[in-house]
Amino acid sequence: MNQQQPNTLPPNYFDDVYRASEDPWAFTSSPYEREKYAATLAALPRPHYARAFEIGCSIGVLTAQLANRCGHLLSVDVSEAALAQARQRCAALPQVELRKLQVPSEFPTGQFDLIMVSEVGYYWSPADLARAADQMLAALPPTGQLLLVHWTPVVPDYPQTGDEVHDFFLQKTQPGGALRHLHGHRADKYRLDLFEKA
């Protein structure tokens, strides 16, 4: 009998979190988040991405900063409460499209020059992470970029750790793999890895 796999956290988990607090992870006020966002944007080597896809935009703090580098930015989240705040924050940014979407059971059509997965991969079960990775790889053209940024300490609620998510993608950079690893950065409590489709 095999071990039961942890399940992906459901949308109502996040609805409850946002009901309890408008900014549960202090995205707007935390010096840690501010530094991490600066490092995230600094890791992107291109000044401009024609089409970008942000998975798990939450209340849109990083979305608003990333938008300046994008011709069109599709940002999605599973929580309507989070998206309502993101819509207000990005109201003056016509290049931003916000949508309620649950990856990997839903995934947008088309190709993206950049896919951003910031603080969301550890909410997926290993099976859903693998499914999402296949979808992302299919949506990236050759030399399209994938940026991962995740908190690394263990959170008992989460199916995976940030390290497990990043290590899963690093396996795809072995000879003959689908990805090239362009840049890696490990801070005190998060890590960042930039990949390019081979």
N, C-alpha and C. Protein backbone atom coordinates (compact mmCIF):
# COMPACT_ATOMS: atom_id res chain seq x y z
N MET A 1 0.86 -1.20 0.00
CA MET A 1 0.00 0.00 0.00
C MET A 1 0.89 1.25 0.00
N ASN A 2 0.65 2.14 -0.95
CA ASN A 2 1.55 3.30 -1.04
C ASN A 2 1.13 4.42 -0.09
N GLN A 3 2.10 5.25 0.24
CA GLN A 3 1.85 6.39 1.13
C GLN A 3 0.86 7.35 0.48
N GLN A 4 -0.04 7.90 1.25
CA GLN A 4 -0.99 8.86 0.69
C GLN A 4 -0.25 10.16 0.35
N GLN A 5 -0.46 10.62 -0.88
CA GLN A 5 0.17 11.87 -1.32
C GLN A 5 -0.58 13.05 -0.70
N PRO A 6 0.14 14.11 -0.32
CA PRO A 6 -0.57 15.29 0.18
C PRO A 6 -1.37 15.94 -0.95
N ASN A 7 -2.48 16.52 -0.60
CA ASN A 7 -3.34 17.16 -1.60
C ASN A 7 -2.99 18.62 -1.79
N THR A 8 -3.26 19.12 -2.98
CA THR A 8 -3.15 20.56 -3.25
C THR A 8 -4.12 21.30 -2.33
N LEU A 9 -3.70 22.44 -1.81
CA LEU A 9 -4.59 23.22 -0.94
C LEU A 9 -5.75 23.78 -1.78
N PRO A 10 -6.98 23.66 -1.30
CA PRO A 10 -8.15 24.08 -2.08
C PRO A 10 -8.37 25.59 -2.00
N PRO A 11 -9.12 26.16 -2.99
CA PRO A 11 -9.37 27.61 -2.98
C PRO A 11 -9.97 28.13 -1.67
N ASN A 12 -10.84 27.33 -1.01
CA ASN A 12 -11.47 27.84 0.21
C ASN A 12 -10.45 28.04 1.34
N TYR A 13 -9.30 27.33 1.28
CA TYR A 13 -8.21 27.57 2.25
C TYR A 13 -7.79 29.04 2.16
N PHE A 14 -7.63 29.53 0.92
CA PHE A 14 -7.17 30.91 0.72
C PHE A 14 -8.28 31.92 1.00
N ASP A 15 -9.52 31.55 0.67
CA ASP A 15 -10.65 32.44 0.99
C ASP A 15 -10.71 32.68 2.50
N ASP A 16 -10.50 31.62 3.29
CA ASP A 16 -10.51 31.77 4.75
C ASP A 16 -9.37 32.66 5.22
N VAL A 17 -8.19 32.49 4.62
CA VAL A 17 -7.02 33.30 4.99
C VAL A 17 -7.29 34.78 4.73
N TYR A 18 -7.86 35.09 3.54
CA TYR A 18 -8.13 36.50 3.21
C TYR A 18 -9.31 37.06 3.98
N ARG A 19 -10.22 36.19 4.41
CA ARG A 19 -11.32 36.66 5.27
C ARG A 19 -10.76 37.11 6.62
N ALA A 20 -9.75 36.39 7.08
CA ALA A 20 -9.16 36.71 8.39
C ALA A 20 -8.29 37.97 8.33
N SER A 21 -7.69 38.25 7.18
CA SER A 21 -6.81 39.42 7.04
C SER A 21 -6.73 39.84 5.58
N GLU A 22 -6.81 41.14 5.32
CA GLU A 22 -6.73 41.63 3.93
C GLU A 22 -5.34 41.40 3.33
N ASP A 23 -4.32 41.42 4.17
CA ASP A 23 -2.95 41.23 3.69
C ASP A 23 -2.26 40.21 4.62
N PRO A 24 -2.66 38.92 4.51
CA PRO A 24 -2.22 37.93 5.50
C PRO A 24 -0.72 37.69 5.54
N TRP A 25 -0.03 37.94 4.44
CA TRP A 25 1.42 37.71 4.42
C TRP A 25 2.21 39.02 4.43
N ALA A 26 1.54 40.12 4.76
CA ALA A 26 2.20 41.44 4.88
C ALA A 26 2.95 41.83 3.62
N PHE A 27 2.35 41.53 2.45
CA PHE A 27 3.00 41.87 1.18
C PHE A 27 3.25 43.37 1.04
N THR A 28 2.36 44.18 1.61
CA THR A 28 2.47 45.63 1.42
C THR A 28 3.41 46.29 2.42
N SER A 29 3.72 45.61 3.53
CA SER A 29 4.45 46.30 4.61
C SER A 29 5.75 45.65 5.03
N SER A 30 5.98 44.40 4.64
CA SER A 30 7.13 43.66 5.16
C SER A 30 8.43 44.02 4.44
N PRO A 31 9.50 44.37 5.19
CA PRO A 31 10.80 44.61 4.57
C PRO A 31 11.31 43.36 3.84
N TYR A 32 11.01 42.17 4.37
CA TYR A 32 11.39 40.92 3.71
C TYR A 32 10.77 40.85 2.31
N GLU A 33 9.46 41.14 2.23
CA GLU A 33 8.79 41.09 0.92
C GLU A 33 9.36 42.14 -0.03
N ARG A 34 9.61 43.33 0.48
CA ARG A 34 10.15 44.41 -0.35
C ARG A 34 11.49 44.00 -0.97
N GLU A 35 12.37 43.43 -0.13
CA GLU A 35 13.69 42.99 -0.61
C GLU A 35 13.53 41.86 -1.62
N LYS A 36 12.62 40.93 -1.33
CA LYS A 36 12.41 39.78 -2.22
C LYS A 36 11.86 40.23 -3.58
N TYR A 37 10.93 41.18 -3.57
CA TYR A 37 10.39 41.69 -4.84
C TYR A 37 11.49 42.37 -5.66
N ALA A 38 12.35 43.14 -4.99
CA ALA A 38 13.46 43.81 -5.69
C ALA A 38 14.39 42.77 -6.32
N ALA A 39 14.70 41.71 -5.56
CA ALA A 39 15.57 40.64 -6.08
C ALA A 39 14.89 39.89 -7.23
N THR A 40 13.59 39.70 -7.12
CA THR A 40 12.82 39.01 -8.16
C THR A 40 12.90 39.77 -9.48
N LEU A 41 12.64 41.07 -9.42
CA LEU A 41 12.65 41.88 -10.64
C LEU A 41 14.08 42.03 -11.19
N ALA A 42 15.06 42.12 -10.29
CA ALA A 42 16.46 42.24 -10.72
C ALA A 42 16.94 40.96 -11.41
N ALA A 43 16.33 39.82 -11.09
CA ALA A 43 16.75 38.55 -11.68
C ALA A 43 16.31 38.40 -13.14
N LEU A 44 15.34 39.21 -13.56
CA LEU A 44 14.85 39.10 -14.94
C LEU A 44 15.82 39.80 -15.88
N PRO A 45 16.44 39.06 -16.81
CA PRO A 45 17.50 39.65 -17.63
C PRO A 45 17.00 40.56 -18.74
N ARG A 46 15.74 40.43 -19.14
CA ARG A 46 15.24 41.23 -20.26
C ARG A 46 14.52 42.46 -19.73
N PRO A 47 14.69 43.59 -20.40
CA PRO A 47 13.96 44.79 -19.95
C PRO A 47 12.46 44.70 -20.22
N HIS A 48 12.08 43.85 -21.20
CA HIS A 48 10.67 43.81 -21.61
C HIS A 48 10.27 42.40 -22.03
N TYR A 49 9.07 42.00 -21.62
CA TYR A 49 8.48 40.72 -22.02
C TYR A 49 7.14 41.01 -22.68
N ALA A 50 6.97 40.56 -23.91
CA ALA A 50 5.74 40.88 -24.66
C ALA A 50 4.51 40.28 -23.97
N ARG A 51 4.62 39.00 -23.56
CA ARG A 51 3.49 38.33 -22.90
C ARG A 51 3.99 37.58 -21.69
N ALA A 52 3.47 37.91 -20.54
CA ALA A 52 3.90 37.26 -19.29
C ALA A 52 2.68 36.69 -18.57
N PHE A 53 2.94 35.66 -17.77
CA PHE A 53 1.89 34.96 -17.02
C PHE A 53 2.37 34.80 -15.59
N GLU A 54 1.62 35.37 -14.66
CA GLU A 54 1.93 35.27 -13.23
C GLU A 54 0.91 34.35 -12.57
N ILE A 55 1.40 33.24 -12.02
CA ILE A 55 0.52 32.28 -11.36
C ILE A 55 0.53 32.58 -9.86
N GLY A 56 -0.65 32.90 -9.31
CA GLY A 56 -0.76 33.20 -7.88
C GLY A 56 -0.39 34.64 -7.57
N CYS A 57 -1.17 35.57 -8.10
CA CYS A 57 -0.84 37.00 -7.95
C CYS A 57 -1.24 37.58 -6.60
N SER A 58 -2.08 36.86 -5.84
CA SER A 58 -2.56 37.35 -4.55
C SER A 58 -3.18 38.75 -4.70
N ILE A 59 -2.74 39.70 -3.86
CA ILE A 59 -3.37 41.03 -3.86
C ILE A 59 -2.70 42.00 -4.83
N GLY A 60 -1.77 41.48 -5.66
CA GLY A 60 -1.26 42.26 -6.78
C GLY A 60 -0.09 43.18 -6.51
N VAL A 61 0.61 42.99 -5.39
CA VAL A 61 1.74 43.88 -5.07
C VAL A 61 2.89 43.68 -6.06
N LEU A 62 3.28 42.42 -6.27
CA LEU A 62 4.33 42.15 -7.25
C LEU A 62 3.82 42.38 -8.67
N THR A 63 2.55 42.07 -8.91
CA THR A 63 1.93 42.27 -10.22
C THR A 63 2.13 43.71 -10.71
N ALA A 64 1.84 44.66 -9.84
CA ALA A 64 1.94 46.08 -10.21
C ALA A 64 3.37 46.46 -10.57
N GLN A 65 4.35 45.84 -9.91
CA GLN A 65 5.76 46.15 -10.19
C GLN A 65 6.23 45.44 -11.47
N LEU A 66 5.77 44.21 -11.66
CA LEU A 66 6.15 43.44 -12.84
C LEU A 66 5.53 44.02 -14.11
N ALA A 67 4.37 44.63 -13.99
CA ALA A 67 3.63 45.15 -15.15
C ALA A 67 4.46 46.11 -16.00
N ASN A 68 5.33 46.88 -15.35
CA ASN A 68 6.14 47.86 -16.08
C ASN A 68 7.09 47.21 -17.08
N ARG A 69 7.33 45.91 -16.91
CA ARG A 69 8.26 45.19 -17.80
C ARG A 69 7.52 44.37 -18.86
N CYS A 70 6.18 44.48 -18.90
CA CYS A 70 5.38 43.57 -19.74
C CYS A 70 4.50 44.33 -20.73
N GLY A 71 4.40 43.79 -21.94
CA GLY A 71 3.42 44.31 -22.89
C GLY A 71 2.02 43.88 -22.49
N HIS A 72 1.88 42.61 -22.10
CA HIS A 72 0.62 42.10 -21.56
C HIS A 72 0.96 41.14 -20.43
N LEU A 73 0.32 41.31 -19.29
CA LEU A 73 0.57 40.47 -18.12
C LEU A 73 -0.75 39.85 -17.67
N LEU A 74 -0.85 38.53 -17.80
CA LEU A 74 -2.00 37.80 -17.28
C LEU A 74 -1.63 37.31 -15.88
N SER A 75 -2.36 37.78 -14.88
CA SER A 75 -2.10 37.40 -13.49
C SER A 75 -3.34 36.71 -12.94
N VAL A 76 -3.14 35.55 -12.34
CA VAL A 76 -4.28 34.75 -11.89
C VAL A 76 -4.13 34.37 -10.43
N ASP A 77 -5.27 34.10 -9.81
CA ASP A 77 -5.29 33.61 -8.43
C ASP A 77 -6.56 32.78 -8.24
N VAL A 78 -6.57 31.95 -7.19
CA VAL A 78 -7.76 31.14 -6.90
C VAL A 78 -8.74 31.86 -5.98
N SER A 79 -8.30 32.98 -5.37
CA SER A 79 -9.14 33.67 -4.39
C SER A 79 -9.74 34.95 -4.96
N GLU A 80 -11.04 35.02 -4.97
CA GLU A 80 -11.73 36.22 -5.44
C GLU A 80 -11.46 37.42 -4.53
N ALA A 81 -11.31 37.15 -3.23
CA ALA A 81 -11.02 38.24 -2.28
C ALA A 81 -9.66 38.88 -2.58
N ALA A 82 -8.68 38.05 -2.90
CA ALA A 82 -7.35 38.56 -3.26
C ALA A 82 -7.43 39.34 -4.58
N LEU A 83 -8.14 38.79 -5.55
CA LEU A 83 -8.23 39.43 -6.87
C LEU A 83 -8.93 40.79 -6.79
N ALA A 84 -9.89 40.94 -5.89
CA ALA A 84 -10.58 42.23 -5.75
C ALA A 84 -9.57 43.31 -5.37
N GLN A 85 -8.64 42.98 -4.46
CA GLN A 85 -7.60 43.94 -4.08
C GLN A 85 -6.62 44.17 -5.24
N ALA A 86 -6.28 43.10 -5.94
CA ALA A 86 -5.36 43.22 -7.08
C ALA A 86 -5.95 44.13 -8.16
N ARG A 87 -7.26 44.01 -8.39
CA ARG A 87 -7.92 44.85 -9.40
C ARG A 87 -7.82 46.32 -9.03
N GLN A 88 -8.01 46.64 -7.76
CA GLN A 88 -7.87 48.04 -7.31
C GLN A 88 -6.43 48.51 -7.49
N ARG A 89 -5.49 47.66 -7.09
CA ARG A 89 -4.07 48.04 -7.14
C ARG A 89 -3.58 48.25 -8.57
N CYS A 90 -4.14 47.48 -9.51
CA CYS A 90 -3.66 47.53 -10.90
C CYS A 90 -4.62 48.26 -11.83
N ALA A 91 -5.56 49.00 -11.26
CA ALA A 91 -6.60 49.65 -12.07
C ALA A 91 -6.03 50.58 -13.14
N ALA A 92 -4.90 51.21 -12.88
CA ALA A 92 -4.32 52.16 -13.84
C ALA A 92 -3.31 51.50 -14.77
N LEU A 93 -3.28 50.17 -14.79
CA LEU A 93 -2.31 49.44 -15.61
C LEU A 93 -3.06 48.63 -16.67
N PRO A 94 -3.30 49.22 -17.84
CA PRO A 94 -4.14 48.55 -18.86
C PRO A 94 -3.53 47.26 -19.40
N GLN A 95 -2.22 47.08 -19.23
CA GLN A 95 -1.58 45.86 -19.74
C GLN A 95 -1.80 44.65 -18.83
N VAL A 96 -2.39 44.88 -17.65
CA VAL A 96 -2.62 43.78 -16.71
C VAL A 96 -4.03 43.21 -16.89
N GLU A 97 -4.10 41.89 -17.05
CA GLU A 97 -5.38 41.18 -17.08
C GLU A 97 -5.43 40.26 -15.87
N LEU A 98 -6.44 40.43 -15.03
CA LEU A 98 -6.57 39.61 -13.82
C LEU A 98 -7.72 38.62 -13.99
N ARG A 99 -7.45 37.38 -13.62
CA ARG A 99 -8.44 36.33 -13.85
C ARG A 99 -8.43 35.33 -12.70
N LYS A 100 -9.62 34.84 -12.33
CA LYS A 100 -9.70 33.75 -11.34
C LYS A 100 -9.47 32.45 -12.09
N LEU A 101 -8.41 31.75 -11.70
CA LEU A 101 -8.02 30.54 -12.43
C LEU A 101 -7.29 29.62 -11.46
N GLN A 102 -7.57 28.34 -11.54
CA GLN A 102 -6.92 27.36 -10.67
C GLN A 102 -6.01 26.45 -11.50
N VAL A 103 -4.73 26.79 -11.52
CA VAL A 103 -3.74 25.95 -12.19
C VAL A 103 -3.44 24.76 -11.25
N PRO A 104 -3.32 23.53 -11.76
CA PRO A 104 -3.28 23.10 -13.15
C PRO A 104 -4.62 22.62 -13.72
N SER A 105 -5.71 22.64 -12.94
CA SER A 105 -6.98 22.17 -13.52
C SER A 105 -7.48 23.14 -14.59
N GLU A 106 -7.02 24.38 -14.55
CA GLU A 106 -7.31 25.36 -15.61
C GLU A 106 -5.98 25.99 -16.02
N PHE A 107 -5.82 26.25 -17.31
CA PHE A 107 -4.58 26.86 -17.78
C PHE A 107 -4.89 27.68 -19.03
N PRO A 108 -4.34 28.88 -19.15
CA PRO A 108 -4.68 29.73 -20.30
C PRO A 108 -4.06 29.20 -21.60
N THR A 109 -4.65 29.59 -22.71
CA THR A 109 -4.10 29.20 -24.01
C THR A 109 -3.03 30.21 -24.42
N GLY A 110 -2.26 29.84 -25.41
CA GLY A 110 -1.26 30.76 -25.96
C GLY A 110 0.12 30.56 -25.35
N GLN A 111 1.06 31.35 -25.85
CA GLN A 111 2.46 31.27 -25.45
C GLN A 111 2.83 32.49 -24.60
N PHE A 112 3.79 32.30 -23.71
CA PHE A 112 4.25 33.37 -22.82
C PHE A 112 5.78 33.43 -22.84
N ASP A 113 6.32 34.63 -22.95
CA ASP A 113 7.79 34.81 -22.92
C ASP A 113 8.32 34.65 -21.50
N LEU A 114 7.43 34.87 -20.52
CA LEU A 114 7.82 34.77 -19.11
C LEU A 114 6.67 34.16 -18.33
N ILE A 115 6.99 33.17 -17.51
CA ILE A 115 6.02 32.64 -16.54
C ILE A 115 6.64 32.81 -15.15
N MET A 116 5.89 33.43 -14.26
CA MET A 116 6.35 33.71 -12.90
C MET A 116 5.55 32.85 -11.93
N VAL A 117 6.26 32.09 -11.10
CA VAL A 117 5.63 31.27 -10.05
C VAL A 117 6.27 31.71 -8.74
N SER A 118 5.61 32.64 -8.07
CA SER A 118 6.16 33.21 -6.84
C SER A 118 5.27 32.83 -5.66
N GLU A 119 5.83 32.05 -4.74
CA GLU A 119 5.13 31.67 -3.51
C GLU A 119 3.82 30.92 -3.78
N VAL A 120 3.86 29.98 -4.73
CA VAL A 120 2.64 29.22 -5.00
C VAL A 120 2.89 27.72 -5.22
N GLY A 121 4.09 27.35 -5.65
CA GLY A 121 4.36 25.96 -6.00
C GLY A 121 4.19 24.98 -4.85
N TYR A 122 4.48 25.43 -3.63
CA TYR A 122 4.39 24.51 -2.47
C TYR A 122 2.95 24.25 -2.04
N TYR A 123 1.99 24.96 -2.63
CA TYR A 123 0.58 24.68 -2.35
C TYR A 123 0.07 23.49 -3.17
N TRP A 124 0.83 23.10 -4.20
CA TRP A 124 0.42 22.00 -5.07
C TRP A 124 0.92 20.66 -4.54
N SER A 125 0.13 19.62 -4.74
CA SER A 125 0.60 18.26 -4.49
C SER A 125 1.70 17.96 -5.51
N PRO A 126 2.56 16.95 -5.24
CA PRO A 126 3.58 16.59 -6.23
C PRO A 126 2.98 16.29 -7.61
N ALA A 127 1.82 15.64 -7.64
CA ALA A 127 1.19 15.31 -8.93
C ALA A 127 0.73 16.58 -9.65
N ASP A 128 0.16 17.52 -8.92
CA ASP A 128 -0.29 18.78 -9.55
C ASP A 128 0.90 19.64 -9.96
N LEU A 129 1.98 19.60 -9.18
CA LEU A 129 3.18 20.33 -9.58
C LEU A 129 3.70 19.79 -10.91
N ALA A 130 3.74 18.49 -11.05
CA ALA A 130 4.22 17.87 -12.30
C ALA A 130 3.32 18.25 -13.47
N ARG A 131 2.01 18.26 -13.22
CA ARG A 131 1.05 18.63 -14.27
C ARG A 131 1.22 20.09 -14.67
N ALA A 132 1.35 20.96 -13.66
CA ALA A 132 1.55 22.39 -13.92
C ALA A 132 2.85 22.62 -14.69
N ALA A 133 3.90 21.90 -14.31
CA ALA A 133 5.19 22.05 -15.00
C ALA A 133 5.06 21.70 -16.48
N ASP A 134 4.35 20.62 -16.79
CA ASP A 134 4.14 20.24 -18.19
C ASP A 134 3.40 21.34 -18.95
N GLN A 135 2.38 21.92 -18.30
CA GLN A 135 1.61 23.00 -18.94
C GLN A 135 2.48 24.23 -19.18
N MET A 136 3.30 24.57 -18.19
CA MET A 136 4.18 25.74 -18.33
C MET A 136 5.18 25.54 -19.45
N LEU A 137 5.78 24.35 -19.48
CA LEU A 137 6.76 24.07 -20.53
C LEU A 137 6.13 24.15 -21.91
N ALA A 138 4.89 23.67 -22.04
CA ALA A 138 4.19 23.73 -23.33
C ALA A 138 3.88 25.18 -23.72
N ALA A 139 3.69 26.04 -22.73
CA ALA A 139 3.31 27.44 -22.99
C ALA A 139 4.51 28.36 -23.20
N LEU A 140 5.73 27.85 -22.97
CA LEU A 140 6.93 28.65 -23.18
C LEU A 140 7.50 28.37 -24.57
N PRO A 141 7.75 29.40 -25.38
CA PRO A 141 8.47 29.17 -26.63
C PRO A 141 9.95 28.93 -26.32
N PRO A 142 10.74 28.43 -27.28
CA PRO A 142 12.18 28.33 -27.04
C PRO A 142 12.74 29.68 -26.57
N THR A 143 13.58 29.65 -25.57
CA THR A 143 14.17 30.82 -24.87
C THR A 143 13.16 31.57 -24.00
N GLY A 144 11.91 31.09 -23.91
CA GLY A 144 10.98 31.66 -22.94
C GLY A 144 11.50 31.37 -21.53
N GLN A 145 11.19 32.25 -20.59
CA GLN A 145 11.78 32.15 -19.26
C GLN A 145 10.74 31.80 -18.18
N LEU A 146 11.22 31.07 -17.19
CA LEU A 146 10.40 30.67 -16.04
C LEU A 146 11.14 31.11 -14.78
N LEU A 147 10.48 31.93 -13.97
CA LEU A 147 11.10 32.40 -12.73
C LEU A 147 10.33 31.84 -11.54
N LEU A 148 11.05 31.15 -10.67
CA LEU A 148 10.47 30.59 -9.44
C LEU A 148 11.04 31.32 -8.24
N VAL A 149 10.17 31.70 -7.30
CA VAL A 149 10.60 32.33 -6.04
C VAL A 149 9.75 31.74 -4.92
N HIS A 150 10.40 31.13 -3.92
CA HIS A 150 9.63 30.49 -2.85
C HIS A 150 10.32 30.58 -1.48
N TRP A 151 9.48 30.73 -0.49
CA TRP A 151 9.85 30.64 0.94
C TRP A 151 10.37 29.23 1.18
N THR A 152 11.49 29.09 1.91
CA THR A 152 12.08 27.76 2.08
C THR A 152 11.80 27.07 3.42
N PRO A 153 11.51 27.79 4.53
CA PRO A 153 11.18 27.04 5.76
C PRO A 153 9.95 26.14 5.58
N VAL A 154 9.90 25.08 6.34
CA VAL A 154 8.77 24.15 6.27
C VAL A 154 7.52 24.80 6.87
N VAL A 155 6.39 24.67 6.18
CA VAL A 155 5.09 25.10 6.72
C VAL A 155 4.22 23.84 6.80
N PRO A 156 3.81 23.43 8.01
CA PRO A 156 3.10 22.15 8.17
C PRO A 156 1.86 22.00 7.27
N ASP A 157 1.15 23.09 7.00
CA ASP A 157 -0.06 23.04 6.17
C ASP A 157 0.24 22.70 4.70
N TYR A 158 1.44 23.01 4.23
CA TYR A 158 1.71 22.97 2.79
C TYR A 158 2.13 21.56 2.35
N PRO A 159 1.65 21.12 1.19
CA PRO A 159 2.01 19.78 0.70
C PRO A 159 3.50 19.60 0.42
N GLN A 160 4.20 20.70 0.07
CA GLN A 160 5.62 20.61 -0.27
C GLN A 160 6.37 21.81 0.31
N THR A 161 7.70 21.73 0.25
CA THR A 161 8.53 22.89 0.63
C THR A 161 8.95 23.62 -0.64
N GLY A 162 9.40 24.86 -0.47
CA GLY A 162 9.94 25.62 -1.60
C GLY A 162 11.12 24.90 -2.23
N ASP A 163 11.97 24.30 -1.42
CA ASP A 163 13.13 23.57 -1.95
C ASP A 163 12.70 22.40 -2.84
N GLU A 164 11.67 21.70 -2.41
CA GLU A 164 11.19 20.56 -3.21
C GLU A 164 10.69 21.03 -4.57
N VAL A 165 10.01 22.17 -4.60
CA VAL A 165 9.49 22.72 -5.86
C VAL A 165 10.66 23.07 -6.79
N HIS A 166 11.65 23.78 -6.26
CA HIS A 166 12.78 24.21 -7.09
C HIS A 166 13.62 23.01 -7.56
N ASP A 167 13.81 22.05 -6.66
CA ASP A 167 14.60 20.87 -7.02
C ASP A 167 13.91 20.06 -8.13
N PHE A 168 12.58 20.05 -8.11
CA PHE A 168 11.82 19.37 -9.17
C PHE A 168 12.15 19.98 -10.54
N PHE A 169 12.19 21.31 -10.61
CA PHE A 169 12.49 21.98 -11.89
C PHE A 169 13.97 21.85 -12.25
N LEU A 170 14.84 21.85 -11.25
CA LEU A 170 16.27 21.70 -11.54
C LEU A 170 16.56 20.34 -12.19
N GLN A 171 15.76 19.32 -11.89
CA GLN A 171 15.93 18.01 -12.53
C GLN A 171 15.74 18.10 -14.05
N LYS A 172 14.99 19.12 -14.49
CA LYS A 172 14.71 19.28 -15.92
C LYS A 172 15.84 20.01 -16.66
N THR A 173 16.93 20.32 -15.93
CA THR A 173 18.06 21.02 -16.57
C THR A 173 19.21 20.07 -16.86
N GLN A 174 19.02 18.78 -16.60
CA GLN A 174 20.08 17.82 -16.89
C GLN A 174 20.24 17.71 -18.41
N PRO A 175 21.38 17.18 -18.89
CA PRO A 175 21.60 17.08 -20.34
C PRO A 175 20.40 16.47 -21.06
N GLY A 176 19.96 17.15 -22.10
CA GLY A 176 18.78 16.70 -22.84
C GLY A 176 17.46 17.13 -22.22
N GLY A 177 17.53 17.85 -21.09
CA GLY A 177 16.32 18.29 -20.40
C GLY A 177 15.66 19.47 -21.10
N ALA A 178 14.44 19.79 -20.65
CA ALA A 178 13.64 20.83 -21.30
C ALA A 178 14.08 22.24 -20.93
N LEU A 179 14.85 22.38 -19.83
CA LEU A 179 15.18 23.71 -19.32
C LEU A 179 16.69 23.90 -19.17
N ARG A 180 17.09 25.17 -19.26
CA ARG A 180 18.45 25.59 -18.89
C ARG A 180 18.33 26.44 -17.63
N HIS A 181 19.25 26.27 -16.70
CA HIS A 181 19.26 27.06 -15.47
C HIS A 181 20.13 28.29 -15.71
N LEU A 182 19.53 29.48 -15.65
CA LEU A 182 20.27 30.70 -15.94
C LEU A 182 20.82 31.37 -14.70
N HIS A 183 20.10 31.23 -13.58
CA HIS A 183 20.49 32.00 -12.39
C HIS A 183 19.83 31.40 -11.16
N GLY A 184 20.58 31.35 -10.06
CA GLY A 184 20.02 30.89 -8.79
C GLY A 184 20.49 31.79 -7.67
N HIS A 185 19.62 32.02 -6.72
CA HIS A 185 19.95 32.89 -5.59
C HIS A 185 19.25 32.34 -4.36
N ARG A 186 20.01 32.13 -3.28
CA ARG A 186 19.41 31.66 -2.04
C ARG A 186 19.61 32.71 -0.96
N ALA A 187 18.51 33.20 -0.44
CA ALA A 187 18.56 34.17 0.66
C ALA A 187 18.29 33.42 1.97
N ASP A 188 18.16 34.16 3.05
CA ASP A 188 17.97 33.54 4.36
C ASP A 188 16.73 32.65 4.38
N LYS A 189 15.60 33.14 3.84
CA LYS A 189 14.35 32.38 3.96
C LYS A 189 13.64 32.16 2.63
N TYR A 190 14.29 32.44 1.53
CA TYR A 190 13.68 32.13 0.24
C TYR A 190 14.77 31.78 -0.77
N ARG A 191 14.34 31.18 -1.86
CA ARG A 191 15.27 30.94 -2.97
C ARG A 191 14.61 31.35 -4.27
N LEU A 192 15.45 31.65 -5.23
CA LEU A 192 15.00 32.16 -6.52
C LEU A 192 15.79 31.41 -7.60
N ASP A 193 15.10 30.91 -8.60
CA ASP A 193 15.77 30.25 -9.72
C ASP A 193 15.12 30.69 -11.03
N LEU A 194 15.98 31.05 -11.98
CA LEU A 194 15.52 31.47 -13.31
C LEU A 194 15.92 30.41 -14.33
N PHE A 195 14.97 29.98 -15.11
CA PHE A 195 15.17 28.96 -16.13
C PHE A 195 14.81 29.52 -17.51
N GLU A 196 15.36 28.89 -18.53
CA GLU A 196 14.99 29.24 -19.91
C GLU A 196 14.69 27.94 -20.63
N LYS A 197 13.67 27.96 -21.47
CA LYS A 197 13.33 26.74 -22.23
C LYS A 197 14.41 26.47 -23.25
N ALA A 198 14.87 25.24 -23.26
CA ALA A 198 15.97 24.86 -24.16
C ALA A 198 15.47 24.79 -25.60
